[in-house]
C-alpha atoms as a PDB file:
ATOM      1  CA  MET A   1      -4.522  16.615 -15.261  1.00  0.00           C
ATOM      2  CA  LYS A   2      -3.810  16.226 -11.645  1.00  0.00           C
ATOM      3  CA  PHE A   3      -5.350  12.885  -9.422  1.00  0.00           C
ATOM      4  CA  PHE A   4      -6.485  12.076  -5.808  1.00  0.00           C
ATOM      5  CA  HIS A   5      -6.442   8.339  -6.021  1.00  0.00           C
ATOM      6  CA  LEU A   6      -7.789   6.728  -2.372  1.00  0.00           C
ATOM      7  CA  SER A   7      -8.803   2.888  -2.480  1.00  0.00           C
ATOM      8  CA  ASP A   8      -9.961   0.751   0.837  1.00  0.00           C
ATOM      9  CA  LEU A   9     -11.939   3.198   2.941  1.00  0.00           C
ATOM     10  CA  HIS A  10     -13.051   0.682   4.500  1.00  0.00           C
ATOM     11  CA  ILE A  11     -15.932   2.964   6.377  1.00  0.00           C
ATOM     12  CA  GLY A  12     -17.184   0.863   9.293  1.00  0.00           C
ATOM     13  CA  ILE A  13     -15.193  -1.033  10.055  1.00  0.00           C
ATOM     14  CA  LYS A  14     -14.093  -2.491  13.420  1.00  0.00           C
ATOM     15  CA  LEU A  15     -10.833  -3.247  14.662  1.00  0.00           C
ATOM     16  CA  TYR A  16     -10.957  -6.112  18.274  1.00  0.00           C
ATOM     17  CA  ASN A  17     -14.534  -4.517  18.427  1.00  0.00           C
ATOM     18  CA  ARG A  18     -13.841  -0.853  18.516  1.00  0.00           C
ATOM     19  CA  ASP A  19     -15.651   0.930  16.173  1.00  0.00           C
ATOM     20  CA  LEU A  20     -13.508   3.416  14.857  1.00  0.00           C
ATOM     21  CA  LEU A  21     -16.014   5.423  12.911  1.00  0.00           C
ATOM     22  CA  GLU A  22     -15.181   8.844  14.437  1.00  0.00           C
ATOM     23  CA  ASP A  23     -11.875   7.879  13.443  1.00  0.00           C
ATOM     24  CA  GLN A  24     -12.795   7.335  10.035  1.00  0.00           C
ATOM     25  CA  LYS A  25     -14.706  11.016   9.760  1.00  0.00           C
ATOM     26  CA  ILE A  26     -10.982  12.777  11.530  1.00  0.00           C
ATOM     27  CA  VAL A  27      -9.386  10.943   8.485  1.00  0.00           C
ATOM     28  CA  LEU A  28     -11.822  11.935   5.502  1.00  0.00           C
ATOM     29  CA  ARG A  29     -12.189  15.326   6.864  1.00  0.00           C
ATOM     30  CA  GLN A  30      -8.461  15.683   6.439  1.00  0.00           C
ATOM     31  CA  ILE A  31      -9.183  14.340   2.795  1.00  0.00           C
ATOM     32  CA  VAL A  32     -11.334  17.167   2.006  1.00  0.00           C
ATOM     33  CA  GLU A  33      -9.351  19.632   3.786  1.00  0.00           C
ATOM     34  CA  GLN A  34      -5.925  18.306   1.128  1.00  0.00           C
ATOM     35  CA  ALA A  35      -8.656  17.878  -1.773  1.00  0.00           C
ATOM     36  CA  GLY A  36      -9.363  21.773  -1.584  1.00  0.00           C
ATOM     37  CA  LYS A  37      -5.769  22.622  -1.013  1.00  0.00           C
ATOM     38  CA  GLU A  38      -4.925  20.663  -4.334  1.00  0.00           C
ATOM     39  CA  CYS A  39      -7.322  21.311  -6.117  1.00  0.00           C
ATOM     40  CA  PRO A  40      -6.903  18.219  -8.305  1.00  0.00           C
ATOM     41  CA  ASP A  41      -8.896  17.485 -11.521  1.00  0.00           C
ATOM     42  CA  ALA A  42     -10.539  14.226 -10.708  1.00  0.00           C
ATOM     43  CA  ILE A  43     -10.449  12.131  -7.363  1.00  0.00           C
ATOM     44  CA  VAL A  44     -10.725   8.398  -7.812  1.00  0.00           C
ATOM     45  CA  ILE A  45     -11.955   5.771  -5.119  1.00  0.00           C
ATOM     46  CA  ALA A  46     -10.794   2.054  -6.143  1.00  0.00           C
ATOM     47  CA  GLY A  47     -13.183  -0.145  -4.527  1.00  0.00           C
ATOM     48  CA  ASP A  48     -13.692  -1.263  -0.808  1.00  0.00           C
ATOM     49  CA  ILE A  49     -15.192   1.669   0.099  1.00  0.00           C
ATOM     50  CA  TYR A  50     -17.277  -0.027   3.050  1.00  0.00           C
ATOM     51  CA  ASP A  51     -15.941  -2.675   5.397  1.00  0.00           C
ATOM     52  CA  LYS A  52     -19.367  -4.729   4.128  1.00  0.00           C
ATOM     53  CA  ALA A  53     -21.082  -5.342   1.786  1.00  0.00           C
ATOM     54  CA  ILE A  54     -24.457  -4.076   3.900  1.00  0.00           C
ATOM     55  CA  PRO A  55     -22.702  -1.394   5.665  1.00  0.00           C
ATOM     56  CA  SER A  56     -24.256  -0.054   8.458  1.00  0.00           C
ATOM     57  CA  VAL A  57     -26.492   2.815   8.054  1.00  0.00           C
ATOM     58  CA  GLU A  58     -24.208   4.873   9.992  1.00  0.00           C
ATOM     59  CA  ALA A  59     -21.756   4.221   7.790  1.00  0.00           C
ATOM     60  CA  VAL A  60     -23.328   5.329   5.018  1.00  0.00           C
ATOM     61  CA  GLY A  61     -24.174   8.458   6.329  1.00  0.00           C
ATOM     62  CA  VAL A  62     -20.046   9.284   6.819  1.00  0.00           C
ATOM     63  CA  PHE A  63     -19.332   7.791   2.876  1.00  0.00           C
ATOM     64  CA  ASP A  64     -22.876  10.830   2.111  1.00  0.00           C
ATOM     65  CA  GLN A  65     -21.150  13.375   4.086  1.00  0.00           C
ATOM     66  CA  PHE A  66     -17.555  12.776   2.844  1.00  0.00           C
ATOM     67  CA  VAL A  67     -19.155  12.329  -1.033  1.00  0.00           C
ATOM     68  CA  ARG A  68     -20.920  15.913  -0.175  1.00  0.00           C
ATOM     69  CA  ASN A  69     -18.581  17.583   1.289  1.00  0.00           C
ATOM     70  CA  LEU A  70     -16.037  17.055  -1.784  1.00  0.00           C
ATOM     71  CA  ARG A  71     -17.954  18.035  -4.395  1.00  0.00           C
ATOM     72  CA  ARG A  72     -18.458  21.318  -2.264  1.00  0.00           C
ATOM     73  CA  THR A  73     -14.719  21.651  -1.649  1.00  0.00           C
ATOM     74  CA  VAL A  74     -13.668  20.750  -4.954  1.00  0.00           C
ATOM     75  CA  PRO A  75     -16.803  21.720  -7.309  1.00  0.00           C
ATOM     76  CA  ASN A  76     -15.555  21.120 -10.398  1.00  0.00           C
ATOM     77  CA  ALA A  77     -13.589  17.715 -10.071  1.00  0.00           C
ATOM     78  CA  VAL A  78     -15.182  14.638 -11.424  1.00  0.00           C
ATOM     79  CA  ILE A  79     -15.379  12.223  -8.696  1.00  0.00           C
ATOM     80  CA  MET A  80     -14.945   8.884  -9.486  1.00  0.00           C
ATOM     81  CA  MET A  81     -15.812   5.248  -7.638  1.00  0.00           C
ATOM     82  CA  ILE A  82     -15.557   2.045  -8.127  1.00  0.00           C
ATOM     83  CA  SER A  83     -17.035  -1.040  -6.130  1.00  0.00           C
ATOM     84  CA  GLY A  84     -14.363  -3.651  -4.597  1.00  0.00           C
ATOM     85  CA  ASN A  85     -14.449  -7.052  -2.969  1.00  0.00           C
ATOM     86  CA  HIS A  86     -16.330  -5.763   0.566  1.00  0.00           C
ATOM     87  CA  ASP A  87     -18.665  -3.793  -1.043  1.00  0.00           C
ATOM     88  CA  SER A  88     -21.695  -5.181  -3.003  1.00  0.00           C
ATOM     89  CA  ALA A  89     -21.628  -4.119  -6.179  1.00  0.00           C
ATOM     90  CA  PRO A  90     -25.237  -3.471  -6.582  1.00  0.00           C
ATOM     91  CA  ARG A  91     -25.756  -1.269  -3.885  1.00  0.00           C
ATOM     92  CA  VAL A  92     -22.917   0.594  -5.236  1.00  0.00           C
ATOM     93  CA  ASN A  93     -24.511   0.603  -8.585  1.00  0.00           C
ATOM     94  CA  LEU A  94     -27.901   2.092  -7.327  1.00  0.00           C
ATOM     95  CA  TYR A  95     -28.020   5.997  -7.361  1.00  0.00           C
ATOM     96  CA  ARG A  96     -25.678   5.892 -10.826  1.00  0.00           C
ATOM     97  CA  ASN A  97     -27.427   7.547 -13.031  1.00  0.00           C
ATOM     98  CA  ILE A  98     -29.099   9.994 -10.756  1.00  0.00           C
ATOM     99  CA  LEU A  99     -25.342  10.530  -9.598  1.00  0.00           C
ATOM    100  CA  GLU A 100     -23.834  10.855 -13.375  1.00  0.00           C
ATOM    101  CA  GLU A 101     -25.842  14.291 -13.755  1.00  0.00           C
ATOM    102  CA  GLN A 102     -23.150  16.072 -10.757  1.00  0.00           C
ATOM    103  CA  LYS A 103     -20.260  14.827 -12.565  1.00  0.00           C
ATOM    104  CA  ILE A 104     -20.096  11.735  -9.874  1.00  0.00           C
ATOM    105  CA  TYR A 105     -19.408   8.175 -10.891  1.00  0.00           C
ATOM    106  CA  MET A 106     -19.975   5.475  -8.888  1.00  0.00           C
ATOM    107  CA  VAL A 107     -19.925   1.999 -10.477  1.00  0.00           C
ATOM    108  CA  GLY A 108     -20.352  -0.871  -9.032  1.00  0.00           C
ATOM    109  CA  MET A 109     -21.019  -2.996 -11.559  1.00  0.00           C
ATOM    110  CA  PRO A 110     -19.237  -3.439 -15.205  1.00  0.00           C
ATOM    111  CA  PRO A 111     -21.137  -2.848 -18.052  1.00  0.00           C
ATOM    112  CA  GLN A 112     -24.577  -5.102 -18.781  1.00  0.00           C
ATOM    113  CA  ARG A 113     -25.302  -3.951 -21.999  1.00  0.00           C
ATOM    114  CA  PRO A 114     -23.051  -2.284 -25.433  1.00  0.00           C
ATOM    115  CA  GLU A 115     -24.905   1.739 -24.307  1.00  0.00           C
ATOM    116  CA  GLU A 116     -23.024   1.140 -21.225  1.00  0.00           C
END
């Protein structure tokens, strides 16, 4: 089994008032390209998807495009994500049930009930 492991994407981060979103788009495209070459069975994003608990609309859009491109490029890979300390766990958990149908597991919060 082959894994791609990513963490600390911090999409939307600004350093010294410089917006890095365009640079992040380039890096995320490169990740998608590598995933296409390697064809991993699973892609794991281990926290800090965004740089802020309430990310900008642009940051959410960049992440949405990234996940969409991953799904198109490696359609058989399972994509798994967890929230980190920079993410809002309830927001990351938001579309958990819908995404699960596409083999995309976006878990923001630990299980709350035994059936989870």
